[in-house]
Protein backbone atom coordinates (compact mmCIF):
# COMPACT_ATOMS: atom_id res chain seq x y z
CA UNK A 1 -9.88 -7.54 -12.59
CA UNK A 2 -11.23 -9.70 -9.56
CA UNK A 3 -10.51 -10.12 -5.95
CA UNK A 4 -8.56 -13.20 -5.33
CA UNK A 5 -8.50 -12.87 -1.61
CA UNK A 6 -9.73 -10.62 1.11
CA UNK A 7 -7.19 -10.70 4.06
CA UNK A 8 -7.24 -9.65 7.65
CA UNK A 9 -4.71 -9.98 10.45
CA UNK A 10 -4.51 -9.94 14.21
CA UNK A 11 -1.83 -8.66 16.47
CA UNK A 12 0.90 -10.99 16.54
CA UNK A 13 4.64 -10.98 17.67
CA UNK A 14 7.33 -11.77 15.08
CA UNK A 15 10.90 -12.28 16.18
CA UNK A 16 13.52 -11.63 13.84
CA UNK A 17 17.34 -11.28 14.65
CA UNK A 18 17.41 -9.60 18.01
CA UNK A 19 14.11 -7.87 17.87
CA UNK A 20 10.51 -8.70 18.26
CA UNK A 21 7.77 -7.03 16.39
CA UNK A 22 4.21 -6.49 17.45
CA UNK A 23 2.24 -6.28 14.14
CA UNK A 24 -0.64 -7.06 12.21
CA UNK A 25 1.10 -7.59 9.03
CA UNK A 26 0.68 -11.50 8.94
CA UNK A 27 -2.81 -11.45 7.19
CA UNK A 28 -4.76 -14.57 6.21
CA UNK A 29 -7.65 -15.17 3.94
CA UNK A 30 -11.05 -14.36 5.29
CA UNK A 31 -14.05 -16.47 4.66
CA UNK A 32 -17.19 -14.85 3.28
CA UNK A 33 -17.80 -11.13 3.11
CA UNK A 34 -15.78 -8.52 4.84
CA UNK A 35 -16.87 -5.02 5.52
CA UNK A 36 -14.64 -2.14 4.51
CA UNK A 37 -15.16 0.85 6.69
CA UNK A 38 -14.09 4.45 6.40
CA UNK A 39 -11.22 3.88 8.95
CA UNK A 40 -10.62 0.12 9.11
CA UNK A 41 -11.36 -3.23 7.46
CA UNK A 42 -13.42 -5.32 9.80
CA UNK A 43 -11.31 -8.04 11.59
CA UNK A 44 -8.04 -6.32 10.77
CA UNK A 45 -5.46 -4.81 13.27
CA UNK A 46 -3.07 -1.89 12.82
CA UNK A 47 -0.56 -1.84 15.63
CA UNK A 48 1.96 0.92 14.34
CA UNK A 49 -0.65 3.64 14.06
CA UNK A 50 2.29 6.28 13.50
CA UNK A 51 3.29 4.74 10.13
CA UNK A 52 0.26 2.67 9.08
CA UNK A 53 -3.39 2.95 8.91
CA UNK A 54 -5.55 6.16 9.01
CA UNK A 55 -8.17 7.61 6.76
CA UNK A 56 -5.77 7.78 3.80
CA UNK A 57 -4.46 4.26 4.06
CA UNK A 58 -7.27 2.06 5.13
CA UNK A 59 -6.89 -0.56 2.49
CA UNK A 60 -3.58 -2.00 1.19
CA UNK A 61 -3.90 -3.97 -2.12
CA UNK A 62 -1.39 -6.09 -3.88
CA UNK A 63 -1.60 -7.74 -7.29
CA UNK A 64 -1.67 -11.55 -7.72
CA UNK A 65 0.49 -11.09 -10.73
CA UNK A 66 3.24 -9.46 -8.51
CA UNK A 67 2.89 -12.25 -5.96
CA UNK A 68 3.40 -14.76 -8.83
CA UNK A 69 6.52 -12.76 -9.70
CA UNK A 70 7.92 -12.77 -6.22
CA UNK A 71 7.03 -16.61 -5.84
CA UNK A 72 9.38 -17.21 -8.81
CA UNK A 73 12.02 -15.09 -7.57
CA UNK A 74 12.17 -16.64 -4.12
CA UNK A 75 11.53 -20.19 -5.21
CA UNK A 76 8.56 -20.58 -2.91
CA UNK A 77 4.81 -19.91 -2.97
CA UNK A 78 3.67 -16.73 -1.34
CA UNK A 79 0.07 -16.73 0.00
CA UNK A 80 -2.25 -13.80 -0.29
CA UNK A 81 -1.71 -11.44 2.58
CA UNK A 82 2.01 -12.17 3.06
CA UNK A 83 2.88 -8.61 2.58
CA UNK A 84 0.07 -7.45 4.79
CA UNK A 85 -2.38 -6.64 2.02
CA UNK A 86 -6.08 -6.52 2.65
CA UNK A 87 -6.99 -7.13 -0.91
CA UNK A 88 -5.11 -9.44 -3.27
CA UNK A 89 -6.43 -8.56 -6.81
CA UNK A 90 -6.01 -10.38 -10.01
CA UNK A 91 -4.76 -7.92 -12.71
CA UNK A 92 -4.17 -4.94 -10.41
CA UNK A 93 -2.03 -2.67 -12.33
CA UNK A 94 1.02 -1.22 -10.41
CA UNK A 95 1.18 1.88 -12.56
CA UNK A 96 -2.03 3.49 -11.25
CA UNK A 97 -2.16 7.21 -10.69
CA UNK A 98 -2.96 8.72 -7.28
CA UNK A 99 -6.62 9.57 -7.53
CA UNK A 100 -7.44 6.53 -9.53
CA UNK A 101 -10.35 4.65 -8.14
CA UNK A 102 -11.45 1.04 -7.66
CA UNK A 103 -15.02 0.21 -7.66
CA UNK A 104 -16.06 -3.19 -6.01
CA UNK A 105 -19.85 -3.37 -5.79
CA UNK A 106 -20.80 -0.62 -3.46
CA UNK A 107 -17.10 -0.04 -2.29
CA UNK A 108 -15.24 2.78 -3.88
CA UNK A 109 -11.61 3.10 -3.04
CA UNK A 110 -9.17 6.03 -4.10
CA UNK A 111 -5.42 5.40 -4.54
CA UNK A 112 -3.26 7.53 -2.30
CA UNK A 113 0.27 6.30 -1.83
CA UNK A 114 2.57 3.27 -2.34
CA UNK A 115 3.90 1.00 0.32
CA UNK A 116 7.43 1.79 1.39
CA UNK A 117 9.19 -1.33 2.83
CA UNK A 118 10.24 -1.35 6.47
CA UNK A 119 11.96 -3.66 9.06
CA UNK A 120 8.58 -5.12 9.93
CA UNK A 121 8.21 -6.51 6.44
CA UNK A 122 11.79 -7.91 6.67
CA UNK A 123 10.84 -9.60 9.88
CA UNK A 124 7.72 -11.05 8.13
CA UNK A 125 9.89 -12.37 5.42
CA UNK A 126 12.54 -13.39 7.84
CA UNK A 127 15.13 -11.89 5.55
CA UNK A 128 17.06 -8.65 6.59
CA UNK A 129 17.78 -7.92 2.89
CA UNK A 130 14.13 -8.14 1.86
CA UNK A 131 13.50 -4.43 2.29
CA UNK A 132 16.28 -3.64 -0.45
CA UNK A 133 14.86 -6.39 -2.81
CA UNK A 134 11.35 -5.01 -2.39
CA UNK A 135 12.66 -1.52 -3.14
CA UNK A 136 14.49 -2.55 -6.28
CA UNK A 137 11.61 -4.49 -7.58
CA UNK A 138 9.28 -1.60 -7.86
CA UNK A 139 6.18 -3.67 -7.16
CA UNK A 140 5.01 -1.77 -4.05
CA UNK A 141 1.27 -2.30 -3.87
CA UNK A 142 -1.10 0.57 -3.44
CA UNK A 143 -2.93 2.29 -0.33
CA UNK A 144 -6.41 3.41 -0.67
CA UNK A 145 -8.75 5.73 1.20
CA UNK A 146 -12.40 4.58 1.33
CA UNK A 147 -14.98 6.89 -0.35
CA UNK A 148 -17.84 4.55 0.14
CA UNK A 149 -18.07 1.78 2.54
CA UNK A 150 -19.52 -1.67 2.10
CA UNK A 151 -18.77 -5.45 1.92
CA UNK A 152 -16.29 -7.26 -0.42
CA UNK A 153 -15.67 -10.89 -0.95
CA UNK A 154 -13.31 -13.11 -2.91
CA UNK A 155 -14.36 -13.29 -6.48
CA UNK A 156 -15.93 -9.85 -6.73
CA UNK A 157 -15.29 -8.09 -10.00
CA UNK A 158 -13.09 -4.78 -9.67
CA UNK A 159 -13.35 -1.95 -11.98
CA UNK A 160 -10.66 0.89 -12.38
CA UNK A 161 -12.02 4.36 -12.65
CA UNK A 162 -9.10 6.59 -13.89
CA UNK A 163 -8.40 10.10 -12.37
CA UNK A 164 -9.47 12.35 -15.09
CA UNK A 165 -6.67 14.68 -14.13
CA UNK A 166 -3.63 12.46 -13.42
CA UNK A 167 -0.71 14.28 -11.78
CA UNK A 168 1.60 11.63 -10.25
CA UNK A 169 1.81 7.72 -10.52
CA UNK A 170 2.10 5.28 -7.68
CA UNK A 171 5.53 4.43 -9.00
CA UNK A 172 6.70 7.97 -9.33
CA UNK A 173 5.79 8.62 -5.66
CA UNK A 174 7.58 5.31 -4.78
CA UNK A 175 10.76 6.58 -6.55
CA UNK A 176 10.37 9.87 -4.87
CA UNK A 177 10.75 8.39 -1.45
CA UNK A 178 14.17 7.43 -2.37
CA UNK A 179 15.19 10.29 -4.65
CA UNK A 180 17.83 12.61 -3.02
CA UNK A 181 17.41 15.70 -4.85
CA UNK A 182 13.80 16.08 -6.34
CA UNK A 183 13.12 19.45 -8.04
CA UNK A 184 11.01 22.15 -6.39
CA UNK A 185 8.59 22.11 -9.39
CA UNK A 186 8.14 18.24 -9.10
CA UNK A 187 7.38 18.49 -5.37
CA UNK A 188 5.06 21.47 -5.86
CA UNK A 189 3.22 19.59 -8.64
CA UNK A 190 2.90 16.37 -6.81
CA UNK A 191 1.09 18.42 -4.07
CA UNK A 192 -1.80 19.10 -6.20
CA UNK A 193 -2.68 15.19 -6.20
CA UNK A 194 -5.08 13.72 -3.53
CA UNK A 195 -2.03 12.24 -1.69
CA UNK A 196 -2.18 10.31 1.68
CA UNK A 197 -1.49 12.86 4.47
CA UNK A 198 1.74 11.15 5.41
CA UNK A 199 3.07 11.56 1.83
CA UNK A 200 1.95 15.13 1.79
CA UNK A 201 3.72 16.01 4.92
CA UNK A 202 6.81 14.24 3.79
CA UNK A 203 6.64 16.37 0.49
CA UNK A 204 6.05 19.60 2.35
CA UNK A 205 9.16 18.83 4.68
CA UNK A 206 11.26 18.31 1.50
CA UNK A 207 10.02 21.61 0.11
CA UNK A 208 10.72 23.42 3.31
CA UNK A 209 14.32 21.97 3.42
CA UNK A 210 14.82 23.48 -0.16
CA UNK A 211 13.60 26.89 1.11
CA UNK A 212 16.06 26.70 4.04
CA UNK A 213 18.90 25.63 1.74
CA UNK A 214 18.12 28.49 -0.85
CA UNK A 215 18.28 31.12 1.82
């Protein structure tokens, strides 16, 4: 595995339909080394801090192989960073477990959650139906927290360090986001994983709702 591209984005306005989105989703390949900090990738912008960014979702990575698949599906070439990914990685597996890690030189990243498509992604693609297409494709990309800071650059080797106690995969979490009636056992087990806090809060809400319905 190697980094194909390191991508950063500045605040921009994207018009789609009758809405205008202020966003940093439109990322472009950076030249040279880029520092990955514990809360932000240097040169990058997070506009919607309610739903994006934070210590558990500092880096968003997407596979070059999945970009190739999308390019074939859409009939046009998609550049690295199109989906808002900071790292486009050759050979990145989409079936990683939460808690699996990527080692890139001095940088150590830990997988925390999948990307859930939103209206901003649809605006970026200029396609109102893209969110549903993205959902069905089950190629969400992965968010990471930063365990060790440092610089990365295109061409750097990437090593996967597997979680010795795998509990839930990124794809399982992705499917959970759309599952209407998950079991209590499933939800409680997932909470044992080192999840992103937004995901943890969502699962806890689902559990609380089950408690209310039971009573």
